[in-house]
């Protein structure tokens, strides 16, 4: 099936299964899509020495980028073929410092989808469920 004929969940599933390459941002920010359903996605992510701020901690942009990605994909998972989206608003709450070299998991859930807007919320946690960051997004739905 051609990419342009895939709906959001089909396209994201094809990435998980290795039929389509991961987006290049996953090289900059080590994150991988590991689960998808309509309105839900889960990523694994791990900050490393490439993601440090001048004080030696993981830059807040790491969590912001991972959450922007998982939230956008949650919206995308519910879109029909040929329909795109773009982030209009991204709100991130940093709960505690992001650890280096620790497996983290980001989950995004669609809250509402209308003809023109998609709204999602999500979290970044460790394997024990400890919350590191929470986020919400509003996405503009781009129809042909």
N, C-alpha and C. Protein backbone atom coordinates (compact mmCIF):
# COMPACT_ATOMS: atom_id res chain seq x y z
N UNK A 1 0.85 -1.18 0.00
CA UNK A 1 0.00 0.00 0.00
C UNK A 1 0.90 1.24 0.00
N UNK A 2 0.51 2.24 -0.76
CA UNK A 2 1.26 3.49 -0.83
C UNK A 2 0.99 4.34 0.41
N UNK A 3 2.00 5.09 0.83
CA UNK A 3 1.89 5.93 2.03
C UNK A 3 0.70 6.87 1.93
N UNK A 4 0.51 7.48 0.77
CA UNK A 4 -0.59 8.45 0.61
C UNK A 4 -1.97 7.81 0.75
N UNK A 5 -2.04 6.47 0.65
CA UNK A 5 -3.32 5.78 0.80
C UNK A 5 -3.52 5.20 2.20
N UNK A 6 -2.55 5.41 3.09
CA UNK A 6 -2.64 4.88 4.45
C UNK A 6 -3.28 5.90 5.38
N UNK A 7 -4.17 5.42 6.25
CA UNK A 7 -4.65 6.32 7.30
C UNK A 7 -3.56 6.40 8.37
N UNK A 8 -3.79 7.22 9.39
CA UNK A 8 -2.76 7.45 10.40
C UNK A 8 -2.32 6.20 11.13
N UNK A 9 -3.24 5.39 11.58
CA UNK A 9 -2.87 4.20 12.35
C UNK A 9 -2.16 3.18 11.46
N UNK A 10 -2.54 3.10 10.19
CA UNK A 10 -1.85 2.20 9.27
C UNK A 10 -0.41 2.64 9.03
N UNK A 11 -0.20 3.94 8.84
CA UNK A 11 1.14 4.46 8.60
C UNK A 11 2.03 4.24 9.82
N UNK A 12 1.53 4.54 11.01
CA UNK A 12 2.32 4.37 12.22
C UNK A 12 2.60 2.89 12.49
N UNK A 13 1.64 2.02 12.22
CA UNK A 13 1.84 0.59 12.37
C UNK A 13 2.93 0.10 11.41
N UNK A 14 2.93 0.62 10.19
CA UNK A 14 3.95 0.23 9.21
C UNK A 14 5.35 0.62 9.70
N UNK A 15 5.45 1.73 10.44
CA UNK A 15 6.75 2.13 11.02
C UNK A 15 7.17 1.15 12.10
N UNK A 16 6.25 0.78 12.98
CA UNK A 16 6.57 -0.18 14.04
C UNK A 16 7.04 -1.51 13.44
N UNK A 17 6.37 -1.95 12.39
CA UNK A 17 6.68 -3.24 11.77
C UNK A 17 7.91 -3.18 10.86
N UNK A 18 8.49 -1.99 10.67
CA UNK A 18 9.69 -1.86 9.86
C UNK A 18 9.44 -1.76 8.37
N UNK A 19 8.19 -1.60 7.95
CA UNK A 19 7.87 -1.45 6.53
C UNK A 19 8.14 -0.03 6.04
N UNK A 20 8.15 0.92 6.96
CA UNK A 20 8.50 2.32 6.66
C UNK A 20 9.59 2.74 7.64
N UNK A 21 10.48 3.62 7.20
CA UNK A 21 11.54 4.08 8.11
C UNK A 21 10.99 5.00 9.19
N UNK A 22 11.67 5.03 10.32
CA UNK A 22 11.33 5.97 11.39
C UNK A 22 11.68 7.38 10.93
N UNK A 23 10.99 8.39 11.43
CA UNK A 23 11.34 9.76 11.08
C UNK A 23 12.76 10.10 11.55
N UNK A 24 13.43 11.00 10.85
CA UNK A 24 14.83 11.31 11.17
C UNK A 24 15.00 11.94 12.56
N UNK A 25 13.97 12.53 13.13
CA UNK A 25 14.08 13.10 14.48
C UNK A 25 14.43 12.01 15.49
N UNK A 26 14.10 10.77 15.18
CA UNK A 26 14.40 9.68 16.12
C UNK A 26 15.90 9.37 16.18
N UNK A 27 16.68 9.93 15.26
CA UNK A 27 18.14 9.81 15.35
C UNK A 27 18.70 10.87 16.29
N UNK A 28 18.11 12.06 16.26
CA UNK A 28 18.53 13.16 17.13
C UNK A 28 18.07 12.92 18.57
N UNK A 29 16.84 12.52 18.71
CA UNK A 29 16.24 12.20 20.00
C UNK A 29 15.96 10.70 20.00
N UNK A 30 16.75 9.91 20.71
CA UNK A 30 16.54 8.46 20.67
C UNK A 30 15.16 8.08 21.20
N UNK A 31 14.23 7.95 20.28
CA UNK A 31 12.87 7.55 20.64
C UNK A 31 12.35 6.64 19.55
N UNK A 32 11.49 5.73 19.96
CA UNK A 32 10.98 4.74 19.02
C UNK A 32 9.51 4.49 19.32
N UNK A 33 8.71 4.51 18.28
CA UNK A 33 7.30 4.16 18.38
C UNK A 33 7.20 2.67 18.67
N UNK A 34 6.51 2.30 19.75
CA UNK A 34 6.43 0.88 20.11
C UNK A 34 5.01 0.34 20.18
N UNK A 35 4.02 1.23 20.20
CA UNK A 35 2.63 0.75 20.28
C UNK A 35 1.72 1.81 19.67
N UNK A 36 0.71 1.37 18.94
CA UNK A 36 -0.24 2.30 18.34
C UNK A 36 -1.63 1.66 18.25
N UNK A 37 -2.62 2.49 18.49
CA UNK A 37 -4.03 2.16 18.27
C UNK A 37 -4.68 3.49 17.90
N UNK A 38 -5.88 3.46 17.41
CA UNK A 38 -6.55 4.71 17.07
C UNK A 38 -6.70 5.55 18.34
N UNK A 39 -6.09 6.73 18.34
CA UNK A 39 -6.17 7.65 19.47
C UNK A 39 -5.15 7.41 20.57
N UNK A 40 -4.22 6.48 20.36
CA UNK A 40 -3.23 6.16 21.39
C UNK A 40 -1.89 5.77 20.75
N UNK A 41 -0.80 6.28 21.30
CA UNK A 41 0.53 5.84 20.89
C UNK A 41 1.45 5.78 22.11
N UNK A 42 2.48 4.94 21.99
CA UNK A 42 3.47 4.81 23.04
C UNK A 42 4.85 4.78 22.39
N UNK A 43 5.77 5.55 22.96
CA UNK A 43 7.16 5.60 22.51
C UNK A 43 8.06 5.15 23.65
N UNK A 44 9.21 4.61 23.29
CA UNK A 44 10.30 4.47 24.25
C UNK A 44 11.29 5.59 23.92
N UNK A 45 12.01 6.06 24.93
CA UNK A 45 12.97 7.16 24.72
C UNK A 45 14.08 7.05 25.76
N UNK A 46 15.26 7.56 25.39
CA UNK A 46 16.38 7.53 26.33
C UNK A 46 17.29 8.72 26.04
N UNK A 47 17.38 9.63 27.00
CA UNK A 47 18.29 10.78 26.88
C UNK A 47 19.72 10.31 27.14
N UNK A 48 20.66 10.90 26.41
CA UNK A 48 22.07 10.55 26.61
C UNK A 48 22.92 11.82 26.63
N UNK A 49 24.21 11.66 26.54
CA UNK A 49 25.15 12.79 26.66
C UNK A 49 24.96 13.84 25.56
N UNK A 50 24.28 13.52 24.48
CA UNK A 50 24.01 14.49 23.42
C UNK A 50 22.91 15.49 23.78
N UNK A 51 22.21 15.26 24.89
CA UNK A 51 21.03 16.05 25.22
C UNK A 51 21.20 16.90 26.47
N UNK A 52 22.42 17.25 26.81
CA UNK A 52 22.69 17.97 28.05
C UNK A 52 22.66 19.49 27.87
N UNK A 53 22.22 20.16 28.93
CA UNK A 53 22.25 21.63 28.95
C UNK A 53 23.60 22.08 29.52
N UNK A 54 23.87 23.38 29.58
CA UNK A 54 25.17 23.85 30.09
C UNK A 54 25.49 23.44 31.53
N UNK A 55 24.46 23.09 32.32
CA UNK A 55 24.69 22.68 33.70
C UNK A 55 24.94 21.17 33.82
N UNK A 56 24.87 20.46 32.70
CA UNK A 56 25.13 19.02 32.71
C UNK A 56 23.90 18.14 32.90
N UNK A 57 22.72 18.76 33.02
CA UNK A 57 21.48 17.99 33.12
C UNK A 57 20.86 17.82 31.74
N UNK A 58 19.90 16.93 31.63
CA UNK A 58 19.21 16.74 30.36
C UNK A 58 18.37 17.99 30.08
N UNK A 59 18.56 18.53 28.89
CA UNK A 59 17.85 19.74 28.47
C UNK A 59 16.35 19.48 28.43
N UNK A 60 15.57 20.47 28.87
CA UNK A 60 14.11 20.34 28.85
C UNK A 60 13.55 20.11 27.47
N UNK A 61 14.30 20.50 26.45
CA UNK A 61 13.87 20.29 25.08
C UNK A 61 13.75 18.82 24.72
N UNK A 62 14.46 17.96 25.44
CA UNK A 62 14.34 16.52 25.20
C UNK A 62 12.91 16.08 25.50
N UNK A 63 12.43 16.39 26.71
CA UNK A 63 11.06 16.01 27.08
C UNK A 63 10.05 16.69 26.18
N UNK A 64 10.27 17.95 25.85
CA UNK A 64 9.34 18.69 24.99
C UNK A 64 9.25 18.04 23.61
N UNK A 65 10.38 17.64 23.06
CA UNK A 65 10.39 17.02 21.73
C UNK A 65 9.72 15.65 21.76
N UNK A 66 10.04 14.85 22.76
CA UNK A 66 9.42 13.52 22.86
C UNK A 66 7.90 13.66 23.03
N UNK A 67 7.48 14.57 23.90
CA UNK A 67 6.04 14.75 24.10
C UNK A 67 5.36 15.34 22.87
N UNK A 68 5.99 16.29 22.20
CA UNK A 68 5.42 16.84 20.97
C UNK A 68 5.21 15.71 19.96
N UNK A 69 6.18 14.81 19.87
CA UNK A 69 6.09 13.70 18.93
C UNK A 69 4.97 12.72 19.28
N UNK A 70 4.92 12.31 20.54
CA UNK A 70 3.91 11.32 20.94
C UNK A 70 2.50 11.92 20.89
N UNK A 71 2.37 13.19 21.23
CA UNK A 71 1.05 13.84 21.18
C UNK A 71 0.59 14.02 19.74
N UNK A 72 1.50 14.46 18.87
CA UNK A 72 1.14 14.60 17.46
C UNK A 72 0.76 13.27 16.84
N UNK A 73 1.50 12.22 17.20
CA UNK A 73 1.18 10.89 16.66
C UNK A 73 -0.15 10.38 17.19
N UNK A 74 -0.52 10.74 18.41
CA UNK A 74 -1.84 10.34 18.94
C UNK A 74 -2.94 10.95 18.08
N UNK A 75 -2.76 12.21 17.69
CA UNK A 75 -3.72 12.85 16.79
C UNK A 75 -3.67 12.16 15.42
N UNK A 76 -2.46 11.98 14.90
CA UNK A 76 -2.29 11.39 13.58
C UNK A 76 -2.93 10.01 13.49
N UNK A 77 -2.87 9.25 14.56
CA UNK A 77 -3.40 7.88 14.56
C UNK A 77 -4.89 7.82 14.27
N UNK A 78 -5.60 8.92 14.44
CA UNK A 78 -7.05 8.95 14.23
C UNK A 78 -7.44 9.61 12.90
N UNK A 79 -6.44 10.01 12.11
CA UNK A 79 -6.74 10.71 10.86
C UNK A 79 -6.87 9.75 9.69
N UNK A 80 -7.71 10.13 8.75
CA UNK A 80 -7.88 9.33 7.55
C UNK A 80 -6.74 9.60 6.57
N UNK A 81 -6.62 8.76 5.57
CA UNK A 81 -5.56 8.88 4.57
C UNK A 81 -5.59 10.26 3.91
N UNK A 82 -4.42 10.82 3.70
CA UNK A 82 -4.30 12.10 3.00
C UNK A 82 -4.49 13.32 3.87
N UNK A 83 -4.79 13.13 5.14
CA UNK A 83 -5.02 14.26 6.05
C UNK A 83 -3.81 14.40 6.95
N UNK A 84 -3.33 15.64 7.10
CA UNK A 84 -2.17 15.90 7.93
C UNK A 84 -2.53 16.73 9.14
N UNK A 85 -1.51 17.12 9.89
CA UNK A 85 -1.72 17.92 11.09
C UNK A 85 -0.47 18.76 11.35
N UNK A 86 -0.62 19.77 12.15
CA UNK A 86 0.51 20.57 12.60
C UNK A 86 0.25 21.07 14.00
N UNK A 87 1.28 21.09 14.82
CA UNK A 87 1.13 21.56 16.20
C UNK A 87 0.85 23.06 16.22
N UNK A 88 -0.21 23.45 16.91
CA UNK A 88 -0.56 24.85 17.09
C UNK A 88 -0.11 25.31 18.47
N UNK A 89 -0.30 24.44 19.46
CA UNK A 89 -0.03 24.79 20.84
C UNK A 89 0.54 23.57 21.54
N UNK A 90 1.60 23.77 22.31
CA UNK A 90 2.22 22.68 23.06
C UNK A 90 2.50 23.19 24.47
N UNK A 91 1.96 22.50 25.46
CA UNK A 91 2.17 22.86 26.86
C UNK A 91 2.84 21.70 27.56
N UNK A 92 3.99 21.99 28.18
CA UNK A 92 4.76 20.96 28.87
C UNK A 92 4.95 21.36 30.33
N UNK A 93 4.70 20.43 31.22
CA UNK A 93 4.97 20.62 32.64
C UNK A 93 6.08 19.66 33.02
N UNK A 94 7.22 20.19 33.42
CA UNK A 94 8.35 19.38 33.86
C UNK A 94 8.14 19.07 35.33
N UNK A 95 8.03 17.80 35.68
CA UNK A 95 7.76 17.40 37.05
C UNK A 95 9.05 17.18 37.84
N UNK A 96 10.04 16.61 37.18
CA UNK A 96 11.35 16.36 37.80
C UNK A 96 12.38 16.28 36.67
N UNK A 97 13.66 16.39 37.01
CA UNK A 97 14.71 16.31 35.96
C UNK A 97 14.67 14.98 35.22
N UNK A 98 14.89 15.07 33.93
CA UNK A 98 14.96 13.87 33.08
C UNK A 98 16.30 13.18 33.33
N UNK A 99 16.31 11.90 33.65
CA UNK A 99 17.58 11.20 33.89
C UNK A 99 18.26 10.83 32.56
N UNK A 100 19.57 10.73 32.62
CA UNK A 100 20.36 10.24 31.48
C UNK A 100 20.39 8.71 31.48
N UNK A 101 20.45 8.15 30.29
CA UNK A 101 20.66 6.71 30.10
C UNK A 101 19.65 5.85 30.87
N UNK A 102 18.41 6.31 30.89
CA UNK A 102 17.33 5.59 31.57
C UNK A 102 16.20 5.40 30.57
N UNK A 103 15.70 4.18 30.48
CA UNK A 103 14.57 3.93 29.59
C UNK A 103 13.34 4.65 30.11
N UNK A 104 12.76 5.48 29.24
CA UNK A 104 11.55 6.21 29.55
C UNK A 104 10.47 5.83 28.54
N UNK A 105 9.23 6.07 28.91
CA UNK A 105 8.10 5.75 28.05
C UNK A 105 7.16 6.94 27.98
N UNK A 106 6.83 7.33 26.76
CA UNK A 106 5.91 8.43 26.52
C UNK A 106 4.63 7.85 25.96
N UNK A 107 3.51 8.26 26.52
CA UNK A 107 2.21 7.84 26.03
C UNK A 107 1.41 9.07 25.65
N UNK A 108 0.71 8.99 24.54
CA UNK A 108 -0.16 10.07 24.10
C UNK A 108 -1.55 9.54 23.82
N UNK A 109 -2.55 10.31 24.25
CA UNK A 109 -3.95 9.92 24.06
C UNK A 109 -4.72 11.09 23.45
N UNK A 110 -5.49 10.78 22.44
CA UNK A 110 -6.36 11.76 21.82
C UNK A 110 -7.51 12.07 22.78
N UNK A 111 -7.74 13.35 23.01
CA UNK A 111 -8.85 13.77 23.87
C UNK A 111 -10.07 14.14 23.03
N UNK A 112 -9.82 14.86 21.92
CA UNK A 112 -10.92 15.30 21.06
C UNK A 112 -10.40 15.50 19.65
N UNK A 113 -11.22 15.13 18.69
CA UNK A 113 -10.90 15.36 17.29
C UNK A 113 -12.12 15.92 16.61
N UNK A 114 -11.97 17.12 16.05
CA UNK A 114 -13.03 17.72 15.25
C UNK A 114 -12.53 17.85 13.82
N UNK A 115 -13.29 18.47 12.98
CA UNK A 115 -12.88 18.62 11.58
C UNK A 115 -11.59 19.42 11.46
N UNK A 116 -11.39 20.40 12.35
CA UNK A 116 -10.25 21.31 12.22
C UNK A 116 -9.19 21.22 13.31
N UNK A 117 -9.51 20.59 14.44
CA UNK A 117 -8.57 20.55 15.56
C UNK A 117 -8.50 19.16 16.18
N UNK A 118 -7.30 18.80 16.62
CA UNK A 118 -7.11 17.59 17.41
C UNK A 118 -6.45 17.99 18.72
N UNK A 119 -6.92 17.44 19.83
CA UNK A 119 -6.38 17.75 21.14
C UNK A 119 -5.94 16.44 21.79
N UNK A 120 -4.71 16.44 22.34
CA UNK A 120 -4.18 15.23 22.96
C UNK A 120 -3.45 15.58 24.24
N UNK A 121 -3.31 14.58 25.11
CA UNK A 121 -2.54 14.74 26.34
C UNK A 121 -1.62 13.54 26.48
N UNK A 122 -0.52 13.74 27.23
CA UNK A 122 0.40 12.63 27.37
C UNK A 122 1.35 12.80 28.53
N UNK A 123 2.16 11.77 28.73
CA UNK A 123 3.09 11.76 29.85
C UNK A 123 4.40 11.11 29.45
N UNK A 124 5.44 11.42 30.21
CA UNK A 124 6.76 10.80 30.06
C UNK A 124 7.10 10.21 31.43
N UNK A 125 7.23 8.87 31.49
CA UNK A 125 7.44 8.17 32.75
C UNK A 125 8.57 7.16 32.60
N UNK A 126 9.07 6.69 33.75
CA UNK A 126 10.04 5.60 33.71
C UNK A 126 9.28 4.27 33.83
N UNK A 127 10.02 3.16 33.81
CA UNK A 127 9.40 1.84 33.82
C UNK A 127 8.60 1.58 35.10
N UNK A 128 8.95 2.25 36.20
CA UNK A 128 8.22 2.09 37.46
C UNK A 128 6.98 2.98 37.54
N UNK A 129 6.78 3.81 36.51
CA UNK A 129 5.61 4.70 36.49
C UNK A 129 5.85 6.07 37.08
N UNK A 130 7.10 6.40 37.43
CA UNK A 130 7.40 7.73 37.97
C UNK A 130 7.27 8.77 36.86
N UNK A 131 6.49 9.82 37.12
CA UNK A 131 6.21 10.86 36.14
C UNK A 131 7.35 11.87 36.08
N UNK A 132 7.83 12.15 34.87
CA UNK A 132 8.88 13.16 34.65
C UNK A 132 8.34 14.40 33.97
N UNK A 133 7.37 14.25 33.08
CA UNK A 133 6.79 15.40 32.38
C UNK A 133 5.40 15.03 31.88
N UNK A 134 4.58 16.05 31.76
CA UNK A 134 3.21 15.90 31.26
C UNK A 134 3.02 16.96 30.20
N UNK A 135 2.21 16.66 29.19
CA UNK A 135 1.99 17.64 28.14
C UNK A 135 0.61 17.54 27.52
N UNK A 136 0.23 18.65 26.90
CA UNK A 136 -0.99 18.70 26.10
C UNK A 136 -0.66 19.42 24.80
N UNK A 137 -1.44 19.13 23.79
CA UNK A 137 -1.27 19.81 22.49
C UNK A 137 -2.61 20.05 21.84
N UNK A 138 -2.63 21.07 21.02
CA UNK A 138 -3.69 21.31 20.07
C UNK A 138 -3.05 21.29 18.70
N UNK A 139 -3.61 20.50 17.81
CA UNK A 139 -3.09 20.40 16.44
C UNK A 139 -4.14 20.88 15.45
N UNK A 140 -3.68 21.60 14.46
CA UNK A 140 -4.53 21.98 13.34
C UNK A 140 -4.59 20.80 12.38
N UNK A 141 -5.80 20.45 11.97
CA UNK A 141 -5.98 19.35 11.02
C UNK A 141 -5.92 19.96 9.61
N UNK A 142 -5.05 19.38 8.78
CA UNK A 142 -4.80 19.92 7.44
C UNK A 142 -5.43 18.96 6.44
N UNK A 143 -6.52 19.44 5.86
CA UNK A 143 -7.26 18.62 4.88
C UNK A 143 -6.97 19.11 3.47
N UNK A 144 -6.91 18.16 2.51
CA UNK A 144 -6.64 18.57 1.12
C UNK A 144 -7.77 19.40 0.53
